[in-house]
Protein backbone atom coordinates (compact mmCIF):
# COMPACT_ATOMS: atom_id res chain seq x y z
CA UNK A 1 103.35 148.58 114.05
CA UNK A 2 99.77 147.78 113.19
CA UNK A 3 97.34 150.15 115.47
CA UNK A 4 93.29 149.58 115.60
CA UNK A 5 91.32 150.89 118.65
CA UNK A 6 88.67 149.46 121.28
CA UNK A 7 86.14 150.50 124.49
CA UNK A 8 87.54 148.52 126.27
CA UNK A 9 90.10 146.19 125.94
CA UNK A 10 90.68 142.90 129.10
CA UNK A 11 93.68 141.43 129.60
CA UNK A 12 93.30 137.78 130.92
CA UNK A 13 90.91 134.91 130.16
CA UNK A 14 89.90 133.57 133.14
CA UNK A 15 86.35 133.05 133.81
CA UNK A 16 86.85 136.94 135.96
CA UNK A 17 87.70 138.35 132.28
CA UNK A 18 85.37 136.21 129.88
CA UNK A 19 82.30 136.61 132.60
CA UNK A 20 83.81 140.41 132.55
CA UNK A 21 83.40 140.53 129.12
CA UNK A 22 80.07 139.16 127.95
CA UNK A 23 78.82 141.92 130.56
CA UNK A 24 80.27 144.02 129.33
CA UNK A 25 77.95 143.38 125.42
CA UNK A 26 75.38 142.53 126.48
CA UNK A 27 75.25 146.16 128.16
CA UNK A 28 75.61 147.71 124.91
CA UNK A 29 79.94 148.17 124.64
CA UNK A 30 80.78 147.29 120.71
CA UNK A 31 83.61 146.84 120.85
CA UNK A 32 85.75 145.19 123.56
CA UNK A 33 88.45 142.54 122.63
CA UNK A 34 89.60 140.15 125.85
CA UNK A 35 93.36 138.96 125.15
CA UNK A 36 95.15 135.63 126.47
CA UNK A 37 98.19 135.41 126.47
CA UNK A 38 98.20 130.95 126.28
CA UNK A 39 94.35 129.74 126.01
CA UNK A 40 91.40 130.51 127.84
CA UNK A 41 90.89 129.15 131.50
CA UNK A 42 94.28 128.14 131.32
CA UNK A 43 95.66 130.13 134.56
CA UNK A 44 94.68 129.76 138.26
CA UNK A 45 91.05 129.58 136.36
CA UNK A 46 91.44 126.04 135.19
CA UNK A 47 93.34 124.59 138.87
CA UNK A 48 90.75 125.68 140.84
CA UNK A 49 87.96 123.68 142.48
CA UNK A 50 84.84 125.41 141.61
CA UNK A 51 84.08 124.87 145.82
CA UNK A 52 80.99 127.13 145.02
CA UNK A 53 80.29 127.28 149.20
CA UNK A 54 78.08 131.13 150.42
CA UNK A 55 79.75 131.78 153.91
CA UNK A 56 80.94 135.50 154.13
CA UNK A 57 81.20 138.05 157.13
CA UNK A 58 80.51 140.97 154.64
CA UNK A 59 77.16 141.92 153.03
CA UNK A 60 78.31 143.23 150.20
CA UNK A 61 80.01 139.21 149.62
CA UNK A 62 76.73 137.28 150.75
CA UNK A 63 75.17 139.70 148.12
CA UNK A 64 77.59 138.97 145.68
CA UNK A 65 77.75 135.03 145.65
CA UNK A 66 73.65 134.44 146.57
CA UNK A 67 73.63 136.16 142.45
CA UNK A 68 76.34 134.07 140.95
CA UNK A 69 74.38 130.96 142.52
CA UNK A 70 71.39 132.13 140.39
CA UNK A 71 73.66 132.09 137.64
CA UNK A 72 75.41 129.11 137.34
CA UNK A 73 72.11 126.71 138.01
CA UNK A 74 70.97 128.27 135.50
CA UNK A 75 73.61 128.74 132.81
CA UNK A 76 71.50 127.49 130.26
CA UNK A 77 69.11 129.86 130.08
CA UNK A 78 71.10 133.42 131.86
CA UNK A 79 74.66 132.02 129.42
CA UNK A 80 74.22 129.67 127.55
CA UNK A 81 76.48 125.95 128.13
CA UNK A 82 76.54 124.57 131.00
CA UNK A 83 78.14 125.61 134.26
CA UNK A 84 78.25 122.11 135.32
CA UNK A 85 76.91 123.35 139.10
CA UNK A 86 75.81 120.20 141.42
CA UNK A 87 73.74 121.59 144.14
CA UNK A 88 74.51 118.85 146.26
CA UNK A 89 74.79 120.83 149.86
CA UNK A 90 77.02 121.93 151.49
CA UNK A 91 78.75 122.05 155.47
CA UNK A 92 80.43 123.64 157.19
CA UNK A 93 82.00 122.52 160.77
CA UNK A 94 83.58 124.84 163.19
CA UNK A 95 85.16 124.65 166.91
CA UNK A 96 83.15 126.11 170.03
CA UNK A 97 85.21 129.05 169.55
CA UNK A 98 84.32 130.66 166.44
CA UNK A 99 80.51 130.15 167.04
CA UNK A 100 79.98 134.20 168.13
CA UNK A 101 81.79 134.98 164.49
CA UNK A 102 79.04 132.15 162.91
CA UNK A 103 77.03 133.44 164.59
CA UNK A 104 76.80 137.25 162.96
CA UNK A 105 78.15 135.71 159.63
CA UNK A 106 74.87 133.22 159.81
CA UNK A 107 72.48 136.68 160.67
CA UNK A 108 74.28 138.50 157.38
CA UNK A 109 73.79 135.80 155.03
CA UNK A 110 69.89 135.80 156.22
CA UNK A 111 69.49 139.37 155.70
CA UNK A 112 71.27 139.50 151.72
CA UNK A 113 68.22 136.04 151.32
CA UNK A 114 70.47 133.33 151.89
CA UNK A 115 69.59 129.73 152.37
CA UNK A 116 71.01 128.13 155.49
CA UNK A 117 70.81 126.20 158.88
CA UNK A 118 72.43 126.24 162.41
CA UNK A 119 73.29 122.83 162.99
CA UNK A 120 73.52 121.16 166.73
CA UNK A 121 76.70 119.06 166.08
CA UNK A 122 74.61 115.81 166.67
CA UNK A 123 72.18 117.06 163.86
CA UNK A 124 74.82 116.10 161.19
CA UNK A 125 73.39 112.59 160.92
CA UNK A 126 70.32 113.24 159.32
CA UNK A 127 72.53 115.01 156.72
CA UNK A 128 75.87 113.69 156.97
CA UNK A 129 76.42 110.45 159.14
CA UNK A 130 79.79 109.61 158.79
CA UNK A 131 81.97 113.93 159.56
CA UNK A 132 83.63 112.95 162.44
CA UNK A 133 81.84 116.04 164.50
CA UNK A 134 84.00 115.47 168.27
CA UNK A 135 85.52 118.83 167.78
CA UNK A 136 82.74 120.51 166.38
CA UNK A 137 81.13 123.23 168.54
CA UNK A 138 78.30 123.69 164.96
CA UNK A 139 77.93 123.29 161.52
CA UNK A 140 76.12 125.73 159.46
CA UNK A 141 74.39 123.23 156.43
CA UNK A 142 73.99 125.92 153.19
CA UNK A 143 71.08 123.10 150.92
CA UNK A 144 71.72 124.60 147.71
CA UNK A 145 75.66 124.60 148.02
CA UNK A 146 77.62 123.30 146.13
CA UNK A 147 80.59 122.86 143.82
CA UNK A 148 80.61 124.02 139.69
CA UNK A 149 82.64 124.00 136.63
CA UNK A 150 85.17 126.68 136.53
CA UNK A 151 86.82 126.03 132.65
CA UNK A 152 82.83 125.49 131.99
CA UNK A 153 81.59 128.30 133.33
CA UNK A 154 84.76 130.44 131.42
CA UNK A 155 83.32 128.93 128.09
CA UNK A 156 79.84 129.67 127.97
CA UNK A 157 81.24 133.13 129.10
CA UNK A 158 83.06 133.39 126.03
CA UNK A 159 80.93 131.39 123.33
CA UNK A 160 78.58 134.31 124.73
CA UNK A 161 80.66 137.51 124.41
CA UNK A 162 81.47 136.04 120.75
CA UNK A 163 77.71 136.06 119.95
CA UNK A 164 77.56 139.57 120.92
CA UNK A 165 80.55 140.70 119.42
CA UNK A 166 83.35 140.46 121.29
CA UNK A 167 86.89 139.52 120.43
CA UNK A 168 88.22 136.95 121.62
CA UNK A 169 92.54 136.47 120.97
CA UNK A 170 94.56 133.59 122.31
CA UNK A 171 98.22 133.39 122.46
CA UNK A 172 98.52 136.66 122.48
CA UNK A 173 100.57 138.48 125.44
CA UNK A 174 100.14 141.94 126.57
CA UNK A 175 103.86 143.47 127.05
CA UNK A 176 102.86 147.46 126.60
CA UNK A 177 100.28 149.81 128.76
CA UNK A 178 100.73 152.77 127.07
CA UNK A 179 99.63 156.03 129.10
CA UNK A 180 98.91 159.65 128.20
CA UNK A 181 99.37 160.89 131.56
CA UNK A 182 97.88 159.88 134.51
CA UNK A 183 95.80 158.02 132.05
CA UNK A 184 95.54 154.48 130.10
CA UNK A 185 95.98 154.89 126.23
CA UNK A 186 96.01 151.52 124.81
CA UNK A 187 98.26 147.68 124.73
CA UNK A 188 101.26 146.89 122.73
CA UNK A 189 101.15 142.87 122.14
CA UNK A 190 103.73 140.00 121.41
CA UNK A 191 102.01 140.39 117.98
CA UNK A 192 103.49 143.92 117.08
CA UNK A 193 100.37 145.81 117.24
CA UNK A 194 98.92 148.75 119.00
CA UNK A 195 95.28 148.56 120.72
CA UNK A 196 94.30 152.06 121.44
CA UNK A 197 91.53 152.08 123.84
CA UNK A 198 90.85 153.94 126.41
CA UNK A 199 90.22 151.32 129.28
CA UNK A 200 92.11 148.66 130.36
CA UNK A 201 90.47 145.90 132.99
CA UNK A 202 93.27 144.11 134.13
CA UNK A 203 91.85 140.27 135.01
CA UNK A 204 94.78 138.48 134.67
CA UNK A 205 94.90 136.29 138.06
CA UNK A 206 98.19 135.25 139.29
CA UNK A 207 99.66 137.35 136.87
CA UNK A 208 98.02 140.41 137.87
CA UNK A 209 101.04 142.71 140.05
CA UNK A 210 103.65 142.03 136.19
CA UNK A 211 99.70 143.21 134.39
CA UNK A 212 99.83 145.98 136.28
CA UNK A 213 103.32 147.15 136.84
CA UNK A 214 103.50 148.19 133.57
CA UNK A 215 101.04 150.23 133.76
CA UNK A 216 103.37 151.57 137.01
CA UNK A 217 100.23 150.13 139.32
CA UNK A 218 101.70 148.26 141.93
CA UNK A 219 99.69 145.20 143.32
CA UNK A 220 99.24 144.43 146.78
CA UNK A 221 99.89 141.09 146.06
CA UNK A 222 101.27 137.29 147.06
CA UNK A 223 100.47 134.28 144.80
CA UNK A 224 100.16 131.72 147.32
CA UNK A 225 100.60 128.32 146.85
CA UNK A 226 97.86 126.00 147.27
CA UNK A 227 97.71 122.45 147.51
CA UNK A 228 95.33 120.44 145.69
CA UNK A 229 94.58 116.62 146.14
CA UNK A 230 92.30 113.91 143.70
CA UNK A 231 91.59 110.49 145.68
CA UNK A 232 89.36 107.88 145.18
CA UNK A 233 87.11 106.86 147.67
CA UNK A 234 87.03 102.80 148.40
CA UNK A 235 83.16 100.55 148.18
CA UNK A 236 83.12 100.69 151.25
CA UNK A 237 82.39 104.99 151.52
CA UNK A 238 78.96 104.31 149.70
CA UNK A 239 77.64 107.32 148.04
CA UNK A 240 78.93 110.72 147.38
CA UNK A 241 79.20 113.49 150.61
CA UNK A 242 78.61 116.64 150.17
CA UNK A 243 81.16 120.46 149.83
CA UNK A 244 82.63 119.03 153.50
CA UNK A 245 84.72 122.32 154.38
CA UNK A 246 86.16 121.37 158.23
CA UNK A 247 87.12 124.95 159.55
CA UNK A 248 87.77 123.13 163.23
CA UNK A 249 89.84 120.34 161.19
CA UNK A 250 91.69 122.26 158.61
CA UNK A 251 90.04 120.41 156.18
CA UNK A 252 88.15 120.36 153.13
CA UNK A 253 86.13 118.19 150.72
CA UNK A 254 84.80 118.19 147.06
CA UNK A 255 82.72 115.43 145.76
CA UNK A 256 83.25 114.36 141.95
CA UNK A 257 82.60 111.94 139.15
CA UNK A 258 83.76 108.33 139.17
CA UNK A 259 83.73 108.26 142.40
CA UNK A 260 86.77 110.81 144.04
CA UNK A 261 86.75 113.15 145.86
CA UNK A 262 89.29 116.91 146.04
CA UNK A 263 90.73 117.48 149.27
CA UNK A 264 93.52 120.05 150.72
CA UNK A 265 94.28 121.67 153.78
CA UNK A 266 92.24 125.47 155.25
CA UNK A 267 95.12 126.21 157.15
CA UNK A 268 98.94 126.08 154.75
CA UNK A 269 98.66 129.55 154.91
CA UNK A 270 98.60 130.23 151.17
CA UNK A 271 100.80 134.30 152.04
CA UNK A 272 103.76 132.05 154.11
CA UNK A 273 105.21 129.92 150.50
CA UNK A 274 104.65 132.55 147.49
CA UNK A 275 104.65 130.29 144.19
CA UNK A 276 105.94 130.93 140.77
CA UNK A 277 102.39 131.94 138.42
CA UNK A 278 104.34 129.23 136.01
CA UNK A 279 104.81 126.72 138.68
CA UNK A 280 100.87 126.31 138.42
CA UNK A 281 99.51 122.95 137.65
CA UNK A 282 103.36 121.12 138.83
CA UNK A 283 102.84 118.02 140.52
CA UNK A 284 103.11 117.70 144.67
CA UNK A 285 104.79 115.26 146.78
CA UNK A 286 103.66 111.99 148.68
CA UNK A 287 105.21 113.89 151.70
CA UNK A 288 102.86 116.73 151.14
CA UNK A 289 99.62 114.00 150.38
CA UNK A 290 100.24 112.38 153.23
CA UNK A 291 99.87 115.40 156.19
CA UNK A 292 96.55 116.76 153.87
CA UNK A 293 95.13 113.65 153.78
CA UNK A 294 95.82 112.99 157.37
CA UNK A 295 93.42 115.81 158.02
CA UNK A 296 91.39 115.19 155.53
CA UNK A 297 90.54 111.70 157.05
CA UNK A 298 90.60 113.09 160.70
CA UNK A 299 87.41 115.04 159.32
CA UNK A 300 86.26 112.45 157.03
CA UNK A 301 87.24 108.74 159.19
CA UNK A 302 85.74 106.87 156.09
CA UNK A 303 88.77 108.41 153.78
CA UNK A 304 90.79 106.47 155.26
CA UNK A 305 90.62 104.47 153.38
CA UNK A 306 91.61 106.31 149.96
CA UNK A 307 92.82 106.29 147.31
CA UNK A 308 95.56 108.53 146.49
CA UNK A 309 95.19 109.02 142.83
CA UNK A 310 97.34 112.30 142.77
CA UNK A 311 98.42 116.03 143.26
CA UNK A 312 98.69 119.47 141.99
CA UNK A 313 99.78 122.63 142.87
CA UNK A 314 96.94 125.61 142.65
CA UNK A 315 97.41 129.15 143.42
CA UNK A 316 95.71 131.73 145.21
CA UNK A 317 96.13 135.40 143.87
CA UNK A 318 96.57 137.52 148.12
CA UNK A 319 95.39 141.19 148.67
CA UNK A 320 96.46 142.23 152.29
CA UNK A 321 92.94 141.22 154.10
CA UNK A 322 91.56 138.19 151.26
CA UNK A 323 89.06 139.52 149.27
CA UNK A 324 89.21 141.34 145.55
CA UNK A 325 90.53 144.30 144.01
CA UNK A 326 87.82 146.35 141.91
CA UNK A 327 88.08 149.46 141.18
CA UNK A 328 89.11 151.89 138.38
CA UNK A 329 93.65 152.41 139.75
CA UNK A 330 95.11 156.01 139.93
CA UNK A 331 95.81 155.29 136.11
CA UNK A 332 92.49 157.00 134.61
CA UNK A 333 90.91 154.04 133.03
CA UNK A 334 92.99 151.15 134.10
CA UNK A 335 90.72 148.95 135.61
CA UNK A 336 91.40 146.39 138.72
CA UNK A 337 89.29 142.61 139.07
CA UNK A 338 91.74 140.74 140.38
CA UNK A 339 93.53 139.91 143.65
CA UNK A 340 90.44 137.33 144.15
CA UNK A 341 91.80 135.54 147.22
CA UNK A 342 90.33 131.89 146.36
CA UNK A 343 86.47 133.09 145.50
CA UNK A 344 87.53 134.70 141.82
CA UNK A 345 84.76 131.42 140.66
CA UNK A 346 82.20 131.56 143.49
CA UNK A 347 82.22 135.45 142.12
CA UNK A 348 82.94 135.85 138.56
CA UNK A 349 78.80 136.43 137.60
CA UNK A 350 78.56 139.54 139.67
CA UNK A 351 82.51 140.23 139.89
CA UNK A 352 81.69 140.22 136.47
CA UNK A 353 78.14 142.74 136.26
CA UNK A 354 79.85 144.42 138.63
CA UNK A 355 82.89 145.81 136.80
CA UNK A 356 81.00 146.63 133.48
CA UNK A 357 78.39 148.64 135.49
CA UNK A 358 81.65 150.92 136.80
CA UNK A 359 83.22 151.27 133.73
CA UNK A 360 79.98 152.24 131.96
CA UNK A 361 78.50 154.07 134.84
CA UNK A 362 80.59 154.59 136.79
CA UNK A 363 78.47 153.30 139.91
CA UNK A 364 77.90 150.03 141.60
CA UNK A 365 74.86 148.32 142.80
CA UNK A 366 76.51 146.80 145.18
CA UNK A 367 78.62 148.65 147.70
CA UNK A 368 81.89 148.60 146.38
CA UNK A 369 83.56 150.22 149.63
CA UNK A 370 85.20 147.38 150.73
CA UNK A 371 87.04 146.29 147.12
CA UNK A 372 88.66 149.79 146.93
CA UNK A 373 92.02 149.64 145.23
CA UNK A 374 93.64 152.61 147.92
CA UNK A 375 91.90 150.54 151.26
CA UNK A 376 95.89 149.59 151.77
CA UNK A 377 97.69 152.09 152.03
CA UNK A 378 98.49 151.31 155.23
CA UNK A 379 98.94 147.70 155.90
CA UNK A 380 100.24 145.87 152.76
CA UNK A 381 100.48 142.11 153.92
CA UNK A 382 98.26 139.48 154.30
CA UNK A 383 96.21 138.91 157.73
CA UNK A 384 94.65 136.07 158.65
CA UNK A 385 94.64 132.77 156.14
CA UNK A 386 91.87 131.95 154.46
CA UNK A 387 89.42 130.74 157.18
CA UNK A 388 89.21 134.63 157.69
CA UNK A 389 87.65 135.41 154.81
CA UNK A 390 84.52 132.43 155.77
CA UNK A 391 84.36 134.71 159.60
CA UNK A 392 85.68 138.13 160.75
CA UNK A 393 86.65 136.12 164.91
């Protein structure tokens, strides 16, 4: 068996893994190897809708999403390539019952330096008059939010990491994680090669549970199905809409070029719809699309006349509290950057930097306690739903 040595091995070539590879190399780690079993962005990254919103109920995630937004805004200078960032703004509508929770989160946002404004429903007319405001108690407006290109960001990070000396190997699966007592010793690939390393990072996304099991580590993850639907706006719709997340009615819309809109449900409770990750990207049924589009047309009535184009099965790797695991596992040197729970793209730049700090310095600038591996000792099933990661009611 051929053998070589690496300072860090990263498993997974999505936006998290490539961001980490870039940040490790930029911090001077000279022998970084990234292994991707298919091709870059082949997993959840490539099926992400790429929404960038900044509403979070914790100061740590608010700081991370703002840091990541700045990277997306200046991606060509900071990393290279294009992030596809479109600052169309984001509107987040809530019911009257959730107004207190929104007010608490807004205060956390402002303390982190996020630009956000609380609007009365009547004030929507100056930003997006086409939204149905009948069930809304208030709307949060984030003028710098919008969307980006997850695949473009992944490829940009990968290109920059290669330029810094990272070895990125596609079509290479990890079949074994080697241990030396209570710590990691390296990996074995399906090419029959052994890579010796005392630092291995599980950034395998939807397949992170299976990768962790190779090291004897159990991750409290559920792979939840999240269908995405693409519709074409009619001529009467007019200019493109901003990103709109209707937490009161349970749907979202994200504009795309060519008069297209990406949409889906925010209330499907993905944790109750487990999916084989290998079915990622499979087609959805028309009945399923019709149910989701009914919610969409209630939120934005002019979309009732849209033309359905296609739908596909996206997926989230969900932890019990809908927040990622960013920590060293009980196996020393085996790190986890997984369980992104639908936040992976928007947090990826900050996650890569945090994990690089942890691996090289043993500490992080941002408090990582909310992302600790051992926080699930008591409860290992998801509580609440995706909307709970916006607001803690």
